[in-house]
Amino acid sequence: MMTRRDAILTGAGLAAGLMLPGSRAIARGGALWGVGGDDASFFPWERVAEGVHAVVDFQTGGNVMLVSGNDGAILIDTKFPAIARALLREAGERGPKLRYVVNTHHHGDHTGGNVVFQSAGVPIVAHKNTEARIAGNWQAYAGGVTGGARFVGQFADRATAGQVLDEAGELMTTFETLEADDWMPDDVMSGNERELAFGGRAAELTHFGMAAHTDNDVVVHLRDANVLHTGDLVFSGLHPYFDPSAGVKARSWVKVLVKARALCDDDTVVIPGHGPVGGASIIDDQRVYLEKLIEAVQKDIDAGVPKEDTVAKTFGFMDGLGFEQIRERAIGAVHDELSGAG
C-alpha cells in the first residue's frame, strides 16, 4: 500500500508545496532581484530602519521583516520549510532572542517555515482565520519538506548553501512525524487588532475585518520606526496573486488598501509581500491596479465579451510588471467575482 509519504513524494503536490505560481527570480531593468546574501549569509538582508531588517528575495518566497529591540526580536513570516533553519539562524545573528513570529497570512511561502520555528519554541501569532487555512494546506507543506533538497539545489552559488542543503535533508527525515498542527500558530488574534511588546518596542497587528488577498491578511505596523509590512496585500512592481480558495475579493482588497494607506505618512517605509521595499506609493500603486482591473473587466462583462477573451487580454496598466505568468489568473479571478461565478 502506498503511504501518504510515498504519494506526496511521487505526486504533483511536490511542486505545489514549493512555490506559488510565478515565485521565481524575475529580471527587471537588467538586474535580478533577490540573487543571494552577502559573503556570510544565505539571505540578502537589508537594513530599512533602526533595528529593522528585511529579506527581499523572490527566489525564496515572501519578504521577511526582522525587528530587534533591546532584549527581544520579532520575525514577520517564515518562508518555506527547507530554508527556515537558515532563516532562524541568520535572524539570531542579527538580533536578540526571537520573542514572536508573525504570519501575515497562510500562504506557504509565508508560513512554510513555521514548522522550524515552532520546534524551536518561538510563539507564532496569526489571525484566527489562518487556522482553518493551514489545516487544509497540509499537502503544500508536506511537498515543501519532501522536495526541500531539490528546492535548495537552486541556490548552490549562495553562501552557506551546503549547510542549508544538509538542513533540508534533516527536515525531510522527520516527515513521517509531521502533521498540519506543526505549522499552526500558537497564538491567534481573537479580534482584529493586537499589540506585541518586545524588547522595549511594540508592533501593531491589524486585520481590517474583510477578505482581500486572503481572508486572514494582517499588516504589521512599527510606529516607532515608521515601517509597515503589508504581507501580500501589496505586490510591488508585480501582478498580484489571486487565490480563490483563500477567499480573495478584489473589491474589498481595494478598501483594505485604503485603510492600510491611512497608517502611512510621506516617510513611511513599506515592505510588501513581494517586490522591492518602497514608500506609501506602492500601496497606492496596488490599489490603482486593482481599481483599473475591476473597471476593465466589468466593462467587458457589460459588453458581453466572453470570459476567455477577456482573460486573454492585456491592459495598459498591466504593462511592464513582473509575474506576467499570473496575469491571466488575476483577470480570471476578478471576472468570476464580478460575474458572480466566484
C-alpha atoms as a PDB file:
ATOM      1  CA  MET A   1       0.000   0.000   0.000  1.00  0.00           C
ATOM      2  CA  MET A   2       1.262   3.461  -0.892  1.00  0.00           C
ATOM      3  CA  THR A   3       1.828   5.558   2.206  1.00  0.00           C
ATOM      4  CA  ARG A   4       0.988   9.239   2.474  1.00  0.00           C
ATOM      5  CA  ARG A   5       4.723   9.968   2.267  1.00  0.00           C
ATOM      6  CA  ASP A   6       5.101   7.941  -0.948  1.00  0.00           C
ATOM      7  CA  ALA A   7       2.096   9.627  -2.517  1.00  0.00           C
ATOM      8  CA  ILE A   8       3.461  13.079  -1.891  1.00  0.00           C
ATOM      9  CA  LEU A   9       6.979  12.205  -2.993  1.00  0.00           C
ATOM     10  CA  THR A  10       5.677  10.955  -6.322  1.00  0.00           C
ATOM     11  CA  GLY A  11       2.666  13.220  -6.764  1.00  0.00           C
ATOM     12  CA  ALA A  12       2.034  16.581  -8.299  1.00  0.00           C
ATOM     13  CA  GLY A  13       1.735  18.078  -4.826  1.00  0.00           C
ATOM     14  CA  LEU A  14       5.527  18.317  -4.572  1.00  0.00           C
ATOM     15  CA  ALA A  15       5.903  21.390  -6.747  1.00  0.00           C
ATOM     16  CA  ALA A  16       2.804  22.969  -5.268  1.00  0.00           C
ATOM     17  CA  GLY A  17       4.441  22.907  -1.875  1.00  0.00           C
ATOM     18  CA  LEU A  18       7.486  24.759  -3.063  1.00  0.00           C
ATOM     19  CA  MET A  19       6.261  27.943  -4.692  1.00  0.00           C
ATOM     20  CA  LEU A  20       3.286  29.993  -5.640  1.00  0.00           C
ATOM     21  CA  PRO A  21       2.936  30.347  -9.400  1.00  0.00           C
ATOM     22  CA  GLY A  22       5.446  32.892 -10.558  1.00  0.00           C
ATOM     23  CA  SER A  23       7.588  32.782  -7.423  1.00  0.00           C
ATOM     24  CA  ARG A  24      10.919  32.782  -9.111  1.00  0.00           C
ATOM     25  CA  ALA A  25      13.536  35.407  -9.772  1.00  0.00           C
ATOM     26  CA  ILE A  26      12.419  37.963 -12.331  1.00  0.00           C
ATOM     27  CA  ALA A  27      14.689  40.102 -14.434  1.00  0.00           C
ATOM     28  CA  ARG A  28      13.749  43.770 -14.306  1.00  0.00           C
ATOM     29  CA  GLY A  29      15.757  46.666 -15.674  1.00  0.00           C
ATOM     30  CA  GLY A  30      18.686  44.380 -16.387  1.00  0.00           C
ATOM     31  CA  ALA A  31      19.069  43.316 -12.763  1.00  0.00           C
ATOM     32  CA  LEU A  32      17.978  40.231 -10.903  1.00  0.00           C
ATOM     33  CA  TRP A  33      16.039  40.956  -7.739  1.00  0.00           C
ATOM     34  CA  GLY A  34      16.999  38.720  -4.839  1.00  0.00           C
ATOM     35  CA  VAL A  35      20.022  36.757  -6.005  1.00  0.00           C
ATOM     36  CA  GLY A  36      21.609  35.912  -2.692  1.00  0.00           C
ATOM     37  CA  GLY A  37      23.082  37.202   0.522  1.00  0.00           C
ATOM     38  CA  ASP A  38      26.418  38.743   1.418  1.00  0.00           C
ATOM     39  CA  ASP A  39      29.602  36.756   1.923  1.00  0.00           C
ATOM     40  CA  ALA A  40      28.330  35.251   5.179  1.00  0.00           C
ATOM     41  CA  SER A  41      24.588  34.812   4.681  1.00  0.00           C
ATOM     42  CA  PHE A  42      22.205  32.768   2.601  1.00  0.00           C
ATOM     43  CA  PHE A  43      19.614  35.542   2.519  1.00  0.00           C
ATOM     44  CA  PRO A  44      20.091  39.140   1.286  1.00  0.00           C
ATOM     45  CA  TRP A  45      19.388  41.061   4.496  1.00  0.00           C
ATOM     46  CA  GLU A  46      18.721  44.781   4.055  1.00  0.00           C
ATOM     47  CA  ARG A  47      18.598  47.378   6.839  1.00  0.00           C
ATOM     48  CA  VAL A  48      15.483  49.506   6.324  1.00  0.00           C
ATOM     49  CA  ALA A  49      15.279  51.376   9.661  1.00  0.00           C
ATOM     50  CA  GLU A  50      16.863  51.409  13.110  1.00  0.00           C
ATOM     51  CA  GLY A  51      16.775  47.813  14.300  1.00  0.00           C
ATOM     52  CA  VAL A  52      14.688  46.714  11.315  1.00  0.00           C
ATOM     53  CA  HIS A  53      15.962  44.384   8.577  1.00  0.00           C
ATOM     54  CA  ALA A  54      14.185  42.907   5.581  1.00  0.00           C
ATOM     55  CA  VAL A  55      14.804  39.977   3.287  1.00  0.00           C
ATOM     56  CA  VAL A  56      13.551  40.893  -0.171  1.00  0.00           C
ATOM     57  CA  ASP A  57      14.173  37.798  -2.238  1.00  0.00           C
ATOM     58  CA  PHE A  58      11.860  36.481  -4.955  1.00  0.00           C
ATOM     59  CA  GLN A  59      13.506  33.110  -5.226  1.00  0.00           C
ATOM     60  CA  THR A  60      12.927  32.130  -1.613  1.00  0.00           C
ATOM     61  CA  GLY A  61       9.329  33.309  -1.165  1.00  0.00           C
ATOM     62  CA  GLY A  62       7.620  36.184   0.598  1.00  0.00           C
ATOM     63  CA  ASN A  63       9.501  39.143   2.039  1.00  0.00           C
ATOM     64  CA  VAL A  64      10.568  38.826   5.667  1.00  0.00           C
ATOM     65  CA  MET A  65      10.991  41.543   8.315  1.00  0.00           C
ATOM     66  CA  LEU A  66      13.121  41.231  11.456  1.00  0.00           C
ATOM     67  CA  VAL A  67      12.612  43.811  14.206  1.00  0.00           C
ATOM     68  CA  SER A  68      15.109  43.933  17.064  1.00  0.00           C
ATOM     69  CA  GLY A  69      14.533  45.505  20.470  1.00  0.00           C
ATOM     70  CA  ASN A  70      16.776  45.775  23.499  1.00  0.00           C
ATOM     71  CA  ASP A  71      16.467  42.149  24.559  1.00  0.00           C
ATOM     72  CA  GLY A  72      13.995  40.620  22.153  1.00  0.00           C
ATOM     73  CA  ALA A  73      13.032  40.500  18.488  1.00  0.00           C
ATOM     74  CA  ILE A  74      10.140  39.510  16.239  1.00  0.00           C
ATOM     75  CA  LEU A  75      10.178  37.995  12.769  1.00  0.00           C
ATOM     76  CA  ILE A  76       7.460  38.551  10.193  1.00  0.00           C
ATOM     77  CA  ASP A  77       6.805  35.455   8.038  1.00  0.00           C
ATOM     78  CA  THR A  78       8.865  32.279   7.733  1.00  0.00           C
ATOM     79  CA  LYS A  79       9.284  31.433   4.026  1.00  0.00           C
ATOM     80  CA  PHE A  80       9.483  27.738   3.014  1.00  0.00           C
ATOM     81  CA  PRO A  81      10.304  24.718   5.232  1.00  0.00           C
ATOM     82  CA  ALA A  82      13.609  23.773   3.624  1.00  0.00           C
ATOM     83  CA  ILE A  83      15.215  27.170   4.237  1.00  0.00           C
ATOM     84  CA  ALA A  84      13.613  28.035   7.557  1.00  0.00           C
ATOM     85  CA  ARG A  85      16.519  26.850   9.694  1.00  0.00           C
ATOM     86  CA  ALA A  86      18.776  29.220   7.786  1.00  0.00           C
ATOM     87  CA  LEU A  87      16.260  32.000   8.392  1.00  0.00           C
ATOM     88  CA  LEU A  88      16.124  31.201  12.117  1.00  0.00           C
ATOM     89  CA  ARG A  89      19.908  31.078  12.337  1.00  0.00           C
ATOM     90  CA  GLU A  90      20.507  34.318  10.438  1.00  0.00           C
ATOM     91  CA  ALA A  91      17.806  36.173  12.340  1.00  0.00           C
ATOM     92  CA  GLY A  92      19.609  35.167  15.521  1.00  0.00           C
ATOM     93  CA  GLU A  93      22.869  36.513  14.146  1.00  0.00           C
ATOM     94  CA  ARG A  94      21.288  39.918  13.506  1.00  0.00           C
ATOM     95  CA  GLY A  95      19.239  40.437  16.622  1.00  0.00           C
ATOM     96  CA  PRO A  96      18.467  39.239  20.143  1.00  0.00           C
ATOM     97  CA  LYS A  97      16.309  36.244  21.017  1.00  0.00           C
ATOM     98  CA  LEU A  98      13.141  35.893  18.975  1.00  0.00           C
ATOM     99  CA  ARG A  99      10.079  36.517  21.130  1.00  0.00           C
ATOM    100  CA  TYR A 100       7.476  36.061  18.401  1.00  0.00           C
ATOM    101  CA  VAL A 101       6.934  35.095  14.797  1.00  0.00           C
ATOM    102  CA  VAL A 102       4.017  36.744  12.998  1.00  0.00           C
ATOM    103  CA  ASN A 103       2.338  35.270   9.912  1.00  0.00           C
ATOM    104  CA  THR A 104       0.869  37.922   7.609  1.00  0.00           C
ATOM    105  CA  HIS A 105      -1.379  35.232   6.033  1.00  0.00           C
ATOM    106  CA  HIS A 106      -1.438  31.483   5.470  1.00  0.00           C
ATOM    107  CA  HIS A 107       0.185  31.002   2.042  1.00  0.00           C
ATOM    108  CA  GLY A 108       3.039  28.522   2.088  1.00  0.00           C
ATOM    109  CA  ASP A 109       5.810  30.935   1.145  1.00  0.00           C
ATOM    110  CA  HIS A 110       4.932  32.929   4.296  1.00  0.00           C
ATOM    111  CA  THR A 111       4.157  30.091   6.733  1.00  0.00           C
ATOM    112  CA  GLY A 112       6.074  27.074   5.415  1.00  0.00           C
ATOM    113  CA  GLY A 113       8.896  27.649   7.868  1.00  0.00           C
ATOM    114  CA  ASN A 114       6.536  27.654  10.855  1.00  0.00           C
ATOM    115  CA  VAL A 115       7.434  24.029  11.498  1.00  0.00           C
ATOM    116  CA  VAL A 116      11.023  25.004  12.275  1.00  0.00           C
ATOM    117  CA  PHE A 117      10.196  27.993  14.441  1.00  0.00           C
ATOM    118  CA  GLN A 118       7.561  26.035  16.337  1.00  0.00           C
ATOM    119  CA  SER A 119      10.079  23.294  17.103  1.00  0.00           C
ATOM    120  CA  ALA A 120      12.497  25.996  18.311  1.00  0.00           C
ATOM    121  CA  GLY A 121       9.902  27.186  20.801  1.00  0.00           C
ATOM    122  CA  VAL A 122       9.169  30.559  19.192  1.00  0.00           C
ATOM    123  CA  PRO A 123       5.477  31.500  19.604  1.00  0.00           C
ATOM    124  CA  ILE A 124       3.720  32.047  16.269  1.00  0.00           C
ATOM    125  CA  VAL A 125       0.995  34.704  16.083  1.00  0.00           C
ATOM    126  CA  ALA A 126      -1.576  34.921  13.280  1.00  0.00           C
ATOM    127  CA  HIS A 127      -5.171  35.892  12.604  1.00  0.00           C
ATOM    128  CA  LYS A 128      -7.776  33.366  13.749  1.00  0.00           C
ATOM    129  CA  ASN A 129      -8.831  32.626  10.147  1.00  0.00           C
ATOM    130  CA  THR A 130      -5.332  31.273   9.500  1.00  0.00           C
ATOM    131  CA  GLU A 131      -6.001  28.117  11.490  1.00  0.00           C
ATOM    132  CA  ALA A 132      -8.526  26.605   9.093  1.00  0.00           C
ATOM    133  CA  ARG A 133      -6.416  27.581   6.099  1.00  0.00           C
ATOM    134  CA  ILE A 134      -3.284  25.938   7.494  1.00  0.00           C
ATOM    135  CA  ALA A 135      -5.237  22.836   8.466  1.00  0.00           C
ATOM    136  CA  GLY A 136      -6.318  22.470   4.843  1.00  0.00           C
ATOM    137  CA  ASN A 137      -2.867  23.168   3.441  1.00  0.00           C
ATOM    138  CA  TRP A 138      -1.074  20.002   4.547  1.00  0.00           C
ATOM    139  CA  GLN A 139      -0.196  18.780   1.066  1.00  0.00           C
ATOM    140  CA  ALA A 140       1.597  22.006   0.210  1.00  0.00           C
ATOM    141  CA  TYR A 141       3.588  21.993   3.451  1.00  0.00           C
ATOM    142  CA  ALA A 142       4.455  18.333   3.016  1.00  0.00           C
ATOM    143  CA  GLY A 143       5.689  18.990  -0.502  1.00  0.00           C
ATOM    144  CA  GLY A 144       7.886  21.758   0.840  1.00  0.00           C
ATOM    145  CA  VAL A 145       9.516  19.244   3.188  1.00  0.00           C
ATOM    146  CA  THR A 146       9.906  16.288   0.842  1.00  0.00           C
ATOM    147  CA  GLY A 147      11.061  18.469  -2.032  1.00  0.00           C
ATOM    148  CA  GLY A 148      13.371  20.547   0.126  1.00  0.00           C
ATOM    149  CA  ALA A 149      16.676  19.292  -1.247  1.00  0.00           C
ATOM    150  CA  ARG A 150      15.538  19.918  -4.799  1.00  0.00           C
ATOM    151  CA  PHE A 151      14.409  23.411  -3.868  1.00  0.00           C
ATOM    152  CA  VAL A 152      17.656  24.321  -2.098  1.00  0.00           C
ATOM    153  CA  GLY A 153      19.624  22.938  -5.043  1.00  0.00           C
ATOM    154  CA  GLN A 154      18.692  26.079  -6.973  1.00  0.00           C
ATOM    155  CA  PHE A 155      20.867  28.145  -4.641  1.00  0.00           C
ATOM    156  CA  ALA A 156      24.203  26.360  -4.882  1.00  0.00           C
ATOM    157  CA  ASP A 157      26.012  29.661  -5.510  1.00  0.00           C
ATOM    158  CA  ARG A 158      24.848  31.228  -2.248  1.00  0.00           C
ATOM    159  CA  ALA A 159      26.865  31.416   0.935  1.00  0.00           C
ATOM    160  CA  THR A 160      26.212  28.503   3.328  1.00  0.00           C
ATOM    161  CA  ALA A 161      24.290  26.625   0.601  1.00  0.00           C
ATOM    162  CA  GLY A 162      25.856  23.331   1.672  1.00  0.00           C
ATOM    163  CA  GLN A 163      24.717  23.794   5.253  1.00  0.00           C
ATOM    164  CA  VAL A 164      21.210  24.758   4.122  1.00  0.00           C
ATOM    165  CA  LEU A 165      21.068  21.673   1.907  1.00  0.00           C
ATOM    166  CA  ASP A 166      22.028  19.488   4.861  1.00  0.00           C
ATOM    167  CA  GLU A 167      19.334  21.127   6.978  1.00  0.00           C
ATOM    168  CA  ALA A 168      16.735  20.481   4.279  1.00  0.00           C
ATOM    169  CA  GLY A 169      17.741  16.819   4.284  1.00  0.00           C
ATOM    170  CA  GLU A 170      17.490  16.615   8.062  1.00  0.00           C
ATOM    171  CA  LEU A 171      13.997  18.090   7.989  1.00  0.00           C
ATOM    172  CA  MET A 172      12.941  15.573   5.359  1.00  0.00           C
ATOM    173  CA  THR A 173      13.914  12.692   7.651  1.00  0.00           C
ATOM    174  CA  THR A 174      11.289  13.893  10.134  1.00  0.00           C
ATOM    175  CA  PHE A 175       8.481  13.860   7.576  1.00  0.00           C
ATOM    176  CA  GLU A 176       6.651  10.811   8.908  1.00  0.00           C
ATOM    177  CA  THR A 177       6.279  12.509  12.305  1.00  0.00           C
ATOM    178  CA  LEU A 178       4.881  15.797  10.972  1.00  0.00           C
ATOM    179  CA  GLU A 179       1.242  16.863  10.819  1.00  0.00           C
ATOM    180  CA  ALA A 180      -0.573  20.056   9.890  1.00  0.00           C
ATOM    181  CA  ASP A 181      -0.530  21.045  13.571  1.00  0.00           C
ATOM    182  CA  ASP A 182       3.225  21.537  13.287  1.00  0.00           C
ATOM    183  CA  TRP A 183       2.545  24.614  11.147  1.00  0.00           C
ATOM    184  CA  MET A 184      -0.257  26.031  13.283  1.00  0.00           C
ATOM    185  CA  PRO A 185       0.040  29.366  15.087  1.00  0.00           C
ATOM    186  CA  ASP A 186       0.359  29.065  18.860  1.00  0.00           C
ATOM    187  CA  ASP A 187      -1.436  32.333  19.458  1.00  0.00           C
ATOM    188  CA  VAL A 188      -4.329  33.556  17.299  1.00  0.00           C
ATOM    189  CA  MET A 189      -5.774  37.054  17.315  1.00  0.00           C
ATOM    190  CA  SER A 190      -9.187  36.824  18.956  1.00  0.00           C
ATOM    191  CA  GLY A 191     -10.144  40.149  17.364  1.00  0.00           C
ATOM    192  CA  ASN A 192      -8.793  42.194  14.509  1.00  0.00           C
ATOM    193  CA  GLU A 193      -6.123  44.086  16.424  1.00  0.00           C
ATOM    194  CA  ARG A 194      -3.206  43.005  18.574  1.00  0.00           C
ATOM    195  CA  GLU A 195      -0.128  44.685  20.013  1.00  0.00           C
ATOM    196  CA  LEU A 196       3.042  42.698  20.587  1.00  0.00           C
ATOM    197  CA  ALA A 197       5.513  44.179  23.054  1.00  0.00           C
ATOM    198  CA  PHE A 198       9.121  43.016  22.890  1.00  0.00           C
ATOM    199  CA  GLY A 199      12.484  44.424  23.884  1.00  0.00           C
ATOM    200  CA  GLY A 200      11.148  47.899  24.595  1.00  0.00           C
ATOM    201  CA  ARG A 201       9.349  48.086  21.245  1.00  0.00           C
ATOM    202  CA  ALA A 202       5.822  47.339  20.053  1.00  0.00           C
ATOM    203  CA  ALA A 203       4.340  46.000  16.830  1.00  0.00           C
ATOM    204  CA  GLU A 204       0.690  46.659  15.987  1.00  0.00           C
ATOM    205  CA  LEU A 205      -1.056  43.840  14.101  1.00  0.00           C
ATOM    206  CA  THR A 206      -4.222  44.670  12.171  1.00  0.00           C
ATOM    207  CA  HIS A 207      -6.726  42.645  10.194  1.00  0.00           C
ATOM    208  CA  PHE A 208      -9.153  45.022   8.509  1.00  0.00           C
ATOM    209  CA  GLY A 209     -12.254  42.905   9.003  1.00  0.00           C
ATOM    210  CA  MET A 210     -12.803  41.802   5.414  1.00  0.00           C
ATOM    211  CA  ALA A 211     -11.277  39.487   2.823  1.00  0.00           C
ATOM    212  CA  ALA A 212      -8.656  40.915   0.482  1.00  0.00           C
ATOM    213  CA  HIS A 213      -5.682  38.897  -0.803  1.00  0.00           C
ATOM    214  CA  THR A 214      -6.960  36.233   1.625  1.00  0.00           C
ATOM    215  CA  ASP A 215      -9.454  36.189   4.468  1.00  0.00           C
ATOM    216  CA  ASN A 216      -6.630  36.334   7.041  1.00  0.00           C
ATOM    217  CA  ASP A 217      -4.334  39.179   5.918  1.00  0.00           C
ATOM    218  CA  VAL A 218      -2.545  41.017   8.732  1.00  0.00           C
ATOM    219  CA  VAL A 219      -0.386  44.120   8.433  1.00  0.00           C
ATOM    220  CA  VAL A 220       2.391  44.804  10.939  1.00  0.00           C
ATOM    221  CA  HIS A 221       2.964  48.439  11.866  1.00  0.00           C
ATOM    222  CA  LEU A 222       6.012  49.727  13.739  1.00  0.00           C
ATOM    223  CA  ARG A 223       5.120  53.243  14.811  1.00  0.00           C
ATOM    224  CA  ASP A 224       8.493  53.980  16.387  1.00  0.00           C
ATOM    225  CA  ALA A 225      10.349  53.110  13.177  1.00  0.00           C
ATOM    226  CA  ASN A 226       7.583  54.245  10.793  1.00  0.00           C
ATOM    227  CA  VAL A 227       7.657  50.896   8.971  1.00  0.00           C
ATOM    228  CA  LEU A 228       4.706  48.896   7.668  1.00  0.00           C
ATOM    229  CA  HIS A 229       4.859  45.274   6.484  1.00  0.00           C
ATOM    230  CA  THR A 230       1.799  44.663   4.310  1.00  0.00           C
ATOM    231  CA  GLY A 231       2.196  40.985   3.526  1.00  0.00           C
ATOM    232  CA  ASP A 232       0.691  40.117   0.161  1.00  0.00           C
ATOM    233  CA  LEU A 233      -1.779  42.967   0.239  1.00  0.00           C
ATOM    234  CA  VAL A 234       0.933  44.613  -1.860  1.00  0.00           C
ATOM    235  CA  PHE A 235       2.889  43.118  -4.761  1.00  0.00           C
ATOM    236  CA  SER A 236       5.343  45.861  -5.669  1.00  0.00           C
ATOM    237  CA  GLY A 237       6.008  46.076  -9.407  1.00  0.00           C
ATOM    238  CA  LEU A 238       4.245  42.751  -9.942  1.00  0.00           C
ATOM    239  CA  HIS A 239       0.919  41.294 -10.902  1.00  0.00           C
ATOM    240  CA  PRO A 240      -0.800  40.274  -7.645  1.00  0.00           C
ATOM    241  CA  TYR A 241      -1.509  36.636  -6.942  1.00  0.00           C
ATOM    242  CA  PHE A 242      -5.206  35.700  -6.785  1.00  0.00           C
ATOM    243  CA  ASP A 243      -6.168  32.557  -4.877  1.00  0.00           C
ATOM    244  CA  PRO A 244      -9.948  31.977  -4.949  1.00  0.00           C
ATOM    245  CA  SER A 245      -9.568  29.139  -2.441  1.00  0.00           C
ATOM    246  CA  ALA A 246      -8.274  31.688   0.095  1.00  0.00           C
ATOM    247  CA  GLY A 247     -11.326  33.938  -0.130  1.00  0.00           C
ATOM    248  CA  VAL A 248      -9.726  36.626  -2.316  1.00  0.00           C
ATOM    249  CA  LYS A 249     -12.012  39.591  -3.075  1.00  0.00           C
ATOM    250  CA  ALA A 250     -10.752  42.359  -5.343  1.00  0.00           C
ATOM    251  CA  ARG A 251     -13.340  44.935  -4.328  1.00  0.00           C
ATOM    252  CA  SER A 252     -12.722  44.608  -0.609  1.00  0.00           C
ATOM    253  CA  TRP A 253      -8.971  44.333  -1.290  1.00  0.00           C
ATOM    254  CA  VAL A 254      -9.212  47.924  -2.563  1.00  0.00           C
ATOM    255  CA  LYS A 255     -10.945  49.000   0.656  1.00  0.00           C
ATOM    256  CA  VAL A 256      -8.299  47.287   2.772  1.00  0.00           C
ATOM    257  CA  LEU A 257      -5.518  49.056   0.895  1.00  0.00           C
ATOM    258  CA  VAL A 258      -7.148  52.401   1.616  1.00  0.00           C
ATOM    259  CA  LYS A 259      -7.137  51.528   5.321  1.00  0.00           C
ATOM    260  CA  ALA A 260      -3.521  50.345   5.202  1.00  0.00           C
ATOM    261  CA  ARG A 261      -2.514  53.540   3.404  1.00  0.00           C
ATOM    262  CA  ALA A 262      -4.030  55.585   6.226  1.00  0.00           C
ATOM    263  CA  LEU A 263      -1.370  54.154   8.559  1.00  0.00           C
ATOM    264  CA  CYS A 264       1.356  55.809   6.484  1.00  0.00           C
ATOM    265  CA  ASP A 265       2.811  59.265   6.043  1.00  0.00           C
ATOM    266  CA  ASP A 266       5.260  60.588   3.457  1.00  0.00           C
ATOM    267  CA  ASP A 267       8.215  58.980   5.245  1.00  0.00           C
ATOM    268  CA  THR A 268       6.807  55.519   5.949  1.00  0.00           C
ATOM    269  CA  VAL A 269       8.874  52.569   4.759  1.00  0.00           C
ATOM    270  CA  VAL A 270       6.602  49.910   3.269  1.00  0.00           C
ATOM    271  CA  ILE A 271       7.723  46.290   2.990  1.00  0.00           C
ATOM    272  CA  PRO A 272       5.440  44.479   0.531  1.00  0.00           C
ATOM    273  CA  GLY A 273       4.801  40.763   0.448  1.00  0.00           C
ATOM    274  CA  HIS A 274       6.734  40.531  -2.802  1.00  0.00           C
ATOM    275  CA  GLY A 275       8.817  43.067  -4.681  1.00  0.00           C
ATOM    276  CA  PRO A 276      11.143  45.835  -3.535  1.00  0.00           C
ATOM    277  CA  VAL A 277      10.733  47.947  -0.418  1.00  0.00           C
ATOM    278  CA  GLY A 278       9.231  51.372  -1.104  1.00  0.00           C
ATOM    279  CA  GLY A 279       7.176  54.177   0.326  1.00  0.00           C
ATOM    280  CA  ALA A 280       3.427  54.534   0.723  1.00  0.00           C
ATOM    281  CA  SER A 281       3.160  55.000  -3.047  1.00  0.00           C
ATOM    282  CA  ILE A 282       3.489  51.251  -3.580  1.00  0.00           C
ATOM    283  CA  ILE A 283       0.232  50.813  -1.671  1.00  0.00           C
ATOM    284  CA  ASP A 284      -1.338  53.413  -3.951  1.00  0.00           C
ATOM    285  CA  ASP A 285       0.022  51.597  -7.000  1.00  0.00           C
ATOM    286  CA  GLN A 286      -1.535  48.316  -5.889  1.00  0.00           C
ATOM    287  CA  ARG A 287      -4.881  49.987  -5.250  1.00  0.00           C
ATOM    288  CA  VAL A 288      -4.886  51.668  -8.665  1.00  0.00           C
ATOM    289  CA  TYR A 289      -4.019  48.372 -10.366  1.00  0.00           C
ATOM    290  CA  LEU A 290      -6.979  46.658  -8.723  1.00  0.00           C
ATOM    291  CA  GLU A 291      -9.354  49.532  -9.421  1.00  0.00           C
ATOM    292  CA  LYS A 292      -8.400  49.587 -13.089  1.00  0.00           C
ATOM    293  CA  LEU A 293      -8.642  45.799 -13.334  1.00  0.00           C
ATOM    294  CA  ILE A 294     -12.138  45.829 -11.836  1.00  0.00           C
ATOM    295  CA  GLU A 295     -13.176  48.617 -14.203  1.00  0.00           C
ATOM    296  CA  ALA A 296     -11.751  46.910 -17.302  1.00  0.00           C
ATOM    297  CA  VAL A 297     -13.255  43.517 -16.534  1.00  0.00           C
ATOM    298  CA  GLN A 298     -16.654  44.991 -15.647  1.00  0.00           C
ATOM    299  CA  LYS A 299     -16.673  46.855 -18.952  1.00  0.00           C
ATOM    300  CA  ASP A 300     -16.146  43.582 -20.824  1.00  0.00           C
ATOM    301  CA  ILE A 301     -18.829  41.830 -18.791  1.00  0.00           C
ATOM    302  CA  ASP A 302     -21.287  44.621 -19.546  1.00  0.00           C
ATOM    303  CA  ALA A 303     -20.415  44.374 -23.255  1.00  0.00           C
ATOM    304  CA  GLY A 304     -20.984  40.630 -23.301  1.00  0.00           C
ATOM    305  CA  VAL A 305     -17.353  39.740 -24.018  1.00  0.00           C
ATOM    306  CA  PRO A 306     -16.743  36.035 -23.249  1.00  0.00           C
ATOM    307  CA  LYS A 307     -14.573  35.382 -20.226  1.00  0.00           C
ATOM    308  CA  GLU A 308     -11.946  33.550 -22.271  1.00  0.00           C
ATOM    309  CA  ASP A 309     -11.493  36.599 -24.487  1.00  0.00           C
ATOM    310  CA  THR A 310     -11.182  38.944 -21.528  1.00  0.00           C
ATOM    311  CA  VAL A 311      -8.660  36.707 -19.805  1.00  0.00           C
ATOM    312  CA  ALA A 312      -6.507  36.647 -22.935  1.00  0.00           C
ATOM    313  CA  LYS A 313      -6.253  40.437 -22.979  1.00  0.00           C
ATOM    314  CA  THR A 314      -3.601  42.685 -21.585  1.00  0.00           C
ATOM    315  CA  PHE A 315      -4.410  46.198 -20.463  1.00  0.00           C
ATOM    316  CA  GLY A 316      -2.117  49.200 -20.474  1.00  0.00           C
ATOM    317  CA  PHE A 317      -1.850  49.428 -16.686  1.00  0.00           C
ATOM    318  CA  MET A 318      -0.527  45.851 -16.680  1.00  0.00           C
ATOM    319  CA  ASP A 319       2.421  46.527 -18.957  1.00  0.00           C
ATOM    320  CA  GLY A 320       5.951  46.072 -17.637  1.00  0.00           C
ATOM    321  CA  LEU A 321       5.053  44.222 -14.461  1.00  0.00           C
ATOM    322  CA  GLY A 322       6.700  41.082 -13.145  1.00  0.00           C
ATOM    323  CA  PHE A 323       4.879  37.780 -12.559  1.00  0.00           C
ATOM    324  CA  GLU A 324       3.499  38.039 -16.107  1.00  0.00           C
ATOM    325  CA  GLN A 325       2.640  34.350 -15.948  1.00  0.00           C
ATOM    326  CA  ILE A 326      -0.122  35.059 -13.412  1.00  0.00           C
ATOM    327  CA  ARG A 327      -1.684  37.987 -15.293  1.00  0.00           C
ATOM    328  CA  GLU A 328      -4.419  35.795 -16.760  1.00  0.00           C
ATOM    329  CA  ARG A 329      -5.132  34.324 -13.343  1.00  0.00           C
ATOM    330  CA  ALA A 330      -5.728  37.817 -11.933  1.00  0.00           C
ATOM    331  CA  ILE A 331      -8.098  38.753 -14.740  1.00  0.00           C
ATOM    332  CA  GLY A 332      -9.992  35.488 -14.472  1.00  0.00           C
ATOM    333  CA  ALA A 333     -10.445  35.738 -10.714  1.00  0.00           C
ATOM    334  CA  VAL A 334     -11.805  39.261 -10.951  1.00  0.00           C
ATOM    335  CA  HIS A 335     -14.111  38.189 -13.766  1.00  0.00           C
ATOM    336  CA  ASP A 336     -15.515  35.400 -11.590  1.00  0.00           C
ATOM    337  CA  GLU A 337     -16.017  37.779  -8.678  1.00  0.00           C
ATOM    338  CA  LEU A 338     -17.792  40.438 -10.711  1.00  0.00           C
ATOM    339  CA  SER A 339     -19.938  37.987 -12.664  1.00  0.00           C
ATOM    340  CA  GLY A 340     -20.950  36.087  -9.568  1.00  0.00           C
ATOM    341  CA  ALA A 341     -19.176  32.917 -10.660  1.00  0.00           C
ATOM    342  CA  GLY A 342     -16.573  33.070  -7.943  1.00  0.00           C
END
